[in-house]
Amino acid sequence: MKTDSEKEKKLSFALNRLRSLNLQNPALKSNLENLSAQKNQLEIEKKQIEEKYQKLIDEHKALNQKLENINYQKIDEKKKEAEFSEKIDELNQETDTLLEEIDKWQM
């Protein structure tokens, strides 16, 4: 019987030691915490970069619209210049015609 009681004591002792064991690896836990912190930081940085990218896209669209407007204004100005030149040419022709008429009447 002594052997059974000794075995029981040894088994109890072993079970108590197993229960008191810390099955977690502290280095592994530390590494996991570091990785989690890095992951969170990267997610924050990713969000900031995406926001900046969206702002850049919006600015690009706004600048393209402004450029388009400037090009339309430039085209309108060229049309107005052409019309103005035509009017000046017409006035010059009318002036020449009038001067010719005046010369005819003076002769």
N, C-alpha and C. Protein backbone atom coordinates (compact mmCIF):
# COMPACT_ATOMS: atom_id res chain seq x y z
N MET A 1 0.81 -1.19 0.00
CA MET A 1 0.00 0.00 0.00
C MET A 1 0.85 1.25 0.00
N LYS A 2 2.02 1.08 0.53
CA LYS A 2 2.87 2.24 0.61
C LYS A 2 3.20 2.75 -0.79
N THR A 3 3.35 1.90 -1.68
CA THR A 3 3.67 2.32 -3.02
C THR A 3 2.50 3.04 -3.68
N ASP A 4 1.29 2.59 -3.38
CA ASP A 4 0.13 3.29 -3.95
C ASP A 4 0.00 4.69 -3.38
N SER A 5 0.22 4.81 -2.07
CA SER A 5 0.12 6.14 -1.46
C SER A 5 1.26 7.04 -1.94
N GLU A 6 2.44 6.45 -2.13
CA GLU A 6 3.56 7.24 -2.65
C GLU A 6 3.27 7.68 -4.08
N LYS A 7 2.73 6.77 -4.86
CA LYS A 7 2.39 7.10 -6.24
C LYS A 7 1.33 8.20 -6.27
N GLU A 8 0.38 8.08 -5.34
CA GLU A 8 -0.69 9.09 -5.28
C GLU A 8 -0.12 10.45 -4.90
N LYS A 9 0.80 10.46 -3.94
CA LYS A 9 1.43 11.72 -3.52
C LYS A 9 2.23 12.32 -4.67
N LYS A 10 3.00 11.47 -5.36
CA LYS A 10 3.80 11.94 -6.49
C LYS A 10 2.90 12.47 -7.60
N LEU A 11 1.81 11.77 -7.83
CA LEU A 11 0.86 12.21 -8.85
C LEU A 11 0.23 13.53 -8.46
N SER A 12 -0.14 13.66 -7.20
CA SER A 12 -0.72 14.91 -6.71
C SER A 12 0.28 16.05 -6.84
N PHE A 13 1.51 15.76 -6.47
CA PHE A 13 2.56 16.76 -6.56
C PHE A 13 2.76 17.19 -8.02
N ALA A 14 2.80 16.22 -8.91
CA ALA A 14 2.98 16.51 -10.33
C ALA A 14 1.81 17.32 -10.87
N LEU A 15 0.60 16.97 -10.48
CA LEU A 15 -0.58 17.73 -10.94
C LEU A 15 -0.54 19.17 -10.42
N ASN A 16 -0.15 19.34 -9.16
CA ASN A 16 -0.04 20.69 -8.61
C ASN A 16 1.00 21.52 -9.35
N ARG A 17 2.12 20.90 -9.68
CA ARG A 17 3.16 21.61 -10.44
C ARG A 17 2.67 21.95 -11.85
N LEU A 18 1.95 21.02 -12.46
CA LEU A 18 1.42 21.29 -13.80
C LEU A 18 0.42 22.44 -13.76
N ARG A 19 -0.41 22.47 -12.71
CA ARG A 19 -1.39 23.56 -12.59
C ARG A 19 -0.70 24.91 -12.37
N SER A 20 0.42 24.88 -11.66
CA SER A 20 1.10 26.14 -11.36
C SER A 20 2.00 26.60 -12.52
N LEU A 21 2.20 25.74 -13.49
CA LEU A 21 3.04 26.12 -14.64
C LEU A 21 2.37 27.22 -15.46
N ASN A 22 3.18 28.15 -15.88
CA ASN A 22 2.71 29.19 -16.79
C ASN A 22 2.98 28.68 -18.20
N LEU A 23 1.93 28.30 -18.89
CA LEU A 23 2.09 27.70 -20.20
C LEU A 23 2.33 28.73 -21.30
N GLN A 24 2.25 29.99 -20.93
CA GLN A 24 2.47 31.02 -21.94
C GLN A 24 3.95 31.38 -22.00
N ASN A 25 4.41 31.54 -23.22
CA ASN A 25 5.79 31.93 -23.44
C ASN A 25 5.85 33.46 -23.40
N PRO A 26 6.57 34.05 -22.44
CA PRO A 26 6.59 35.51 -22.32
C PRO A 26 7.18 36.20 -23.55
N ALA A 27 8.17 35.60 -24.17
CA ALA A 27 8.76 36.20 -25.36
C ALA A 27 7.75 36.20 -26.50
N LEU A 28 7.01 35.11 -26.64
CA LEU A 28 6.00 35.00 -27.67
C LEU A 28 4.89 36.03 -27.42
N LYS A 29 4.50 36.13 -26.16
CA LYS A 29 3.45 37.10 -25.81
C LYS A 29 3.92 38.52 -26.12
N SER A 30 5.16 38.83 -25.80
CA SER A 30 5.73 40.15 -26.07
C SER A 30 5.78 40.41 -27.58
N ASN A 31 6.20 39.40 -28.33
CA ASN A 31 6.26 39.54 -29.79
C ASN A 31 4.86 39.78 -30.37
N LEU A 32 3.88 39.06 -29.86
CA LEU A 32 2.51 39.23 -30.34
C LEU A 32 2.00 40.64 -30.03
N GLU A 33 2.33 41.13 -28.84
CA GLU A 33 1.90 42.49 -28.48
C GLU A 33 2.57 43.52 -29.38
N ASN A 34 3.87 43.31 -29.65
CA ASN A 34 4.58 44.22 -30.55
C ASN A 34 3.99 44.20 -31.95
N LEU A 35 3.71 43.01 -32.44
CA LEU A 35 3.10 42.87 -33.77
C LEU A 35 1.73 43.53 -33.82
N SER A 36 0.97 43.37 -32.76
CA SER A 36 -0.35 43.98 -32.70
C SER A 36 -0.23 45.51 -32.71
N ALA A 37 0.72 46.04 -31.95
CA ALA A 37 0.93 47.49 -31.91
C ALA A 37 1.37 48.00 -33.28
N GLN A 38 2.27 47.27 -33.93
CA GLN A 38 2.73 47.66 -35.27
C GLN A 38 1.58 47.60 -36.27
N LYS A 39 0.76 46.57 -36.15
CA LYS A 39 -0.39 46.44 -37.05
C LYS A 39 -1.33 47.64 -36.87
N ASN A 40 -1.60 48.01 -35.62
CA ASN A 40 -2.47 49.16 -35.36
C ASN A 40 -1.87 50.44 -35.93
N GLN A 41 -0.55 50.61 -35.75
CA GLN A 41 0.12 51.81 -36.27
C GLN A 41 0.04 51.83 -37.80
N LEU A 42 0.26 50.69 -38.42
CA LEU A 42 0.19 50.62 -39.89
C LEU A 42 -1.22 50.91 -40.39
N GLU A 43 -2.22 50.44 -39.66
CA GLU A 43 -3.60 50.72 -40.05
C GLU A 43 -3.90 52.21 -39.95
N ILE A 44 -3.39 52.85 -38.90
CA ILE A 44 -3.58 54.29 -38.75
C ILE A 44 -2.89 55.03 -39.89
N GLU A 45 -1.65 54.64 -40.19
CA GLU A 45 -0.91 55.28 -41.28
C GLU A 45 -1.60 55.05 -42.62
N LYS A 46 -2.12 53.85 -42.82
CA LYS A 46 -2.83 53.54 -44.06
C LYS A 46 -4.05 54.44 -44.21
N LYS A 47 -4.78 54.62 -43.13
CA LYS A 47 -5.97 55.48 -43.17
C LYS A 47 -5.58 56.92 -43.49
N GLN A 48 -4.49 57.40 -42.88
CA GLN A 48 -4.04 58.76 -43.16
C GLN A 48 -3.62 58.91 -44.61
N ILE A 49 -2.91 57.92 -45.13
CA ILE A 49 -2.46 57.97 -46.53
C ILE A 49 -3.65 57.94 -47.47
N GLU A 50 -4.64 57.11 -47.16
CA GLU A 50 -5.85 57.05 -48.00
C GLU A 50 -6.58 58.38 -47.99
N GLU A 51 -6.64 59.04 -46.82
CA GLU A 51 -7.30 60.35 -46.74
C GLU A 51 -6.53 61.38 -47.57
N LYS A 52 -5.19 61.36 -47.47
CA LYS A 52 -4.38 62.29 -48.26
C LYS A 52 -4.56 62.01 -49.75
N TYR A 53 -4.62 60.74 -50.12
CA TYR A 53 -4.80 60.37 -51.52
C TYR A 53 -6.14 60.89 -52.04
N GLN A 54 -7.18 60.75 -51.22
CA GLN A 54 -8.50 61.23 -51.62
C GLN A 54 -8.49 62.75 -51.78
N LYS A 55 -7.80 63.45 -50.88
CA LYS A 55 -7.69 64.91 -50.99
C LYS A 55 -6.97 65.28 -52.28
N LEU A 56 -5.90 64.54 -52.60
CA LEU A 56 -5.17 64.81 -53.84
C LEU A 56 -6.04 64.58 -55.07
N ILE A 57 -6.85 63.53 -55.03
CA ILE A 57 -7.75 63.26 -56.15
C ILE A 57 -8.75 64.41 -56.30
N ASP A 58 -9.30 64.86 -55.17
CA ASP A 58 -10.25 65.98 -55.21
C ASP A 58 -9.60 67.24 -55.74
N GLU A 59 -8.37 67.52 -55.28
CA GLU A 59 -7.65 68.70 -55.78
C GLU A 59 -7.37 68.57 -57.27
N HIS A 60 -7.01 67.37 -57.70
CA HIS A 60 -6.74 67.14 -59.12
C HIS A 60 -7.98 67.41 -59.96
N LYS A 61 -9.13 66.93 -59.48
CA LYS A 61 -10.38 67.18 -60.20
C LYS A 61 -10.68 68.67 -60.26
N ALA A 62 -10.49 69.37 -59.13
CA ALA A 62 -10.75 70.80 -59.08
C ALA A 62 -9.82 71.56 -60.03
N LEU A 63 -8.55 71.19 -60.04
CA LEU A 63 -7.59 71.85 -60.93
C LEU A 63 -7.92 71.57 -62.40
N ASN A 64 -8.32 70.35 -62.69
CA ASN A 64 -8.72 70.04 -64.08
C ASN A 64 -9.92 70.87 -64.50
N GLN A 65 -10.86 71.05 -63.59
CA GLN A 65 -12.04 71.87 -63.90
C GLN A 65 -11.63 73.32 -64.14
N LYS A 66 -10.73 73.83 -63.30
CA LYS A 66 -10.25 75.20 -63.49
C LYS A 66 -9.53 75.35 -64.82
N LEU A 67 -8.71 74.36 -65.16
CA LEU A 67 -7.99 74.40 -66.43
C LEU A 67 -8.96 74.37 -67.60
N GLU A 68 -9.98 73.56 -67.49
CA GLU A 68 -11.00 73.50 -68.53
C GLU A 68 -11.69 74.86 -68.70
N ASN A 69 -12.03 75.47 -67.58
CA ASN A 69 -12.67 76.79 -67.61
C ASN A 69 -11.75 77.82 -68.25
N ILE A 70 -10.47 77.77 -67.90
CA ILE A 70 -9.51 78.71 -68.49
C ILE A 70 -9.41 78.49 -69.99
N ASN A 71 -9.39 77.24 -70.41
CA ASN A 71 -9.32 76.94 -71.85
C ASN A 71 -10.56 77.46 -72.58
N TYR A 72 -11.75 77.28 -71.96
CA TYR A 72 -12.96 77.81 -72.57
C TYR A 72 -12.91 79.33 -72.67
N GLN A 73 -12.41 79.98 -71.62
CA GLN A 73 -12.29 81.43 -71.64
C GLN A 73 -11.32 81.88 -72.74
N LYS A 74 -10.23 81.14 -72.88
CA LYS A 74 -9.24 81.46 -73.91
C LYS A 74 -9.85 81.34 -75.30
N ILE A 75 -10.63 80.28 -75.50
CA ILE A 75 -11.30 80.09 -76.80
C ILE A 75 -12.28 81.23 -77.05
N ASP A 76 -13.05 81.62 -76.00
CA ASP A 76 -13.99 82.74 -76.15
C ASP A 76 -13.26 84.03 -76.48
N GLU A 77 -12.13 84.27 -75.82
CA GLU A 77 -11.36 85.47 -76.09
C GLU A 77 -10.84 85.49 -77.53
N LYS A 78 -10.39 84.34 -78.02
CA LYS A 78 -9.91 84.26 -79.41
C LYS A 78 -11.05 84.54 -80.38
N LYS A 79 -12.25 84.00 -80.08
CA LYS A 79 -13.41 84.28 -80.93
C LYS A 79 -13.72 85.77 -80.94
N LYS A 80 -13.70 86.37 -79.74
CA LYS A 80 -13.99 87.81 -79.65
C LYS A 80 -12.93 88.62 -80.38
N GLU A 81 -11.66 88.22 -80.29
CA GLU A 81 -10.60 88.91 -81.03
C GLU A 81 -10.83 88.80 -82.52
N ALA A 82 -11.21 87.60 -82.97
CA ALA A 82 -11.46 87.41 -84.40
C ALA A 82 -12.64 88.28 -84.85
N GLU A 83 -13.71 88.30 -84.05
CA GLU A 83 -14.87 89.14 -84.39
C GLU A 83 -14.47 90.61 -84.41
N PHE A 84 -13.68 91.02 -83.45
CA PHE A 84 -13.23 92.42 -83.37
C PHE A 84 -12.40 92.77 -84.59
N SER A 85 -11.49 91.85 -84.97
CA SER A 85 -10.67 92.08 -86.16
C SER A 85 -11.54 92.20 -87.41
N GLU A 86 -12.55 91.34 -87.50
CA GLU A 86 -13.47 91.41 -88.64
C GLU A 86 -14.20 92.75 -88.67
N LYS A 87 -14.64 93.20 -87.51
CA LYS A 87 -15.34 94.49 -87.44
C LYS A 87 -14.41 95.62 -87.86
N ILE A 88 -13.17 95.56 -87.40
CA ILE A 88 -12.20 96.60 -87.78
C ILE A 88 -11.97 96.57 -89.28
N ASP A 89 -11.84 95.36 -89.85
CA ASP A 89 -11.67 95.24 -91.30
C ASP A 89 -12.87 95.83 -92.04
N GLU A 90 -14.08 95.51 -91.54
CA GLU A 90 -15.30 96.04 -92.16
C GLU A 90 -15.31 97.57 -92.08
N LEU A 91 -14.94 98.10 -90.93
CA LEU A 91 -14.90 99.56 -90.77
C LEU A 91 -13.85 100.18 -91.69
N ASN A 92 -12.72 99.51 -91.81
CA ASN A 92 -11.68 100.01 -92.73
C ASN A 92 -12.18 100.02 -94.16
N GLN A 93 -12.88 98.96 -94.54
CA GLN A 93 -13.43 98.91 -95.91
C GLN A 93 -14.47 100.00 -96.12
N GLU A 94 -15.34 100.20 -95.13
CA GLU A 94 -16.36 101.24 -95.24
C GLU A 94 -15.70 102.61 -95.30
N THR A 95 -14.64 102.79 -94.51
CA THR A 95 -13.92 104.07 -94.53
C THR A 95 -13.30 104.28 -95.90
N ASP A 96 -12.68 103.25 -96.45
CA ASP A 96 -12.09 103.36 -97.79
C ASP A 96 -13.16 103.69 -98.82
N THR A 97 -14.30 103.02 -98.71
CA THR A 97 -15.40 103.28 -99.65
C THR A 97 -15.88 104.72 -99.51
N LEU A 98 -16.03 105.17 -98.29
CA LEU A 98 -16.46 106.55 -98.06
C LEU A 98 -15.44 107.55 -98.59
N LEU A 99 -14.17 107.27 -98.36
CA LEU A 99 -13.13 108.16 -98.89
C LEU A 99 -13.16 108.20 -100.41
N GLU A 100 -13.38 107.04 -101.03
CA GLU A 100 -13.49 107.01 -102.49
C GLU A 100 -14.69 107.84 -102.96
N GLU A 101 -15.81 107.72 -102.25
CA GLU A 101 -17.01 108.48 -102.60
C GLU A 101 -16.73 109.99 -102.44
N ILE A 102 -16.06 110.33 -101.37
CA ILE A 102 -15.74 111.74 -101.14
C ILE A 102 -14.84 112.25 -102.26
N ASP A 103 -13.83 111.43 -102.64
CA ASP A 103 -12.94 111.83 -103.73
C ASP A 103 -13.70 112.02 -105.03
N LYS A 104 -14.69 111.16 -105.30
CA LYS A 104 -15.50 111.28 -106.53
C LYS A 104 -16.30 112.58 -106.52
N TRP A 105 -16.85 112.95 -105.39
CA TRP A 105 -17.67 114.15 -105.29
C TRP A 105 -16.82 115.41 -105.36
N GLN A 106 -15.59 115.30 -104.94
CA GLN A 106 -14.72 116.46 -104.98
C GLN A 106 -14.18 116.69 -106.38
N MET A 107 -14.18 115.78 -107.22
CA MET A 107 -13.68 115.95 -108.59
C MET A 107 -14.66 116.58 -109.44
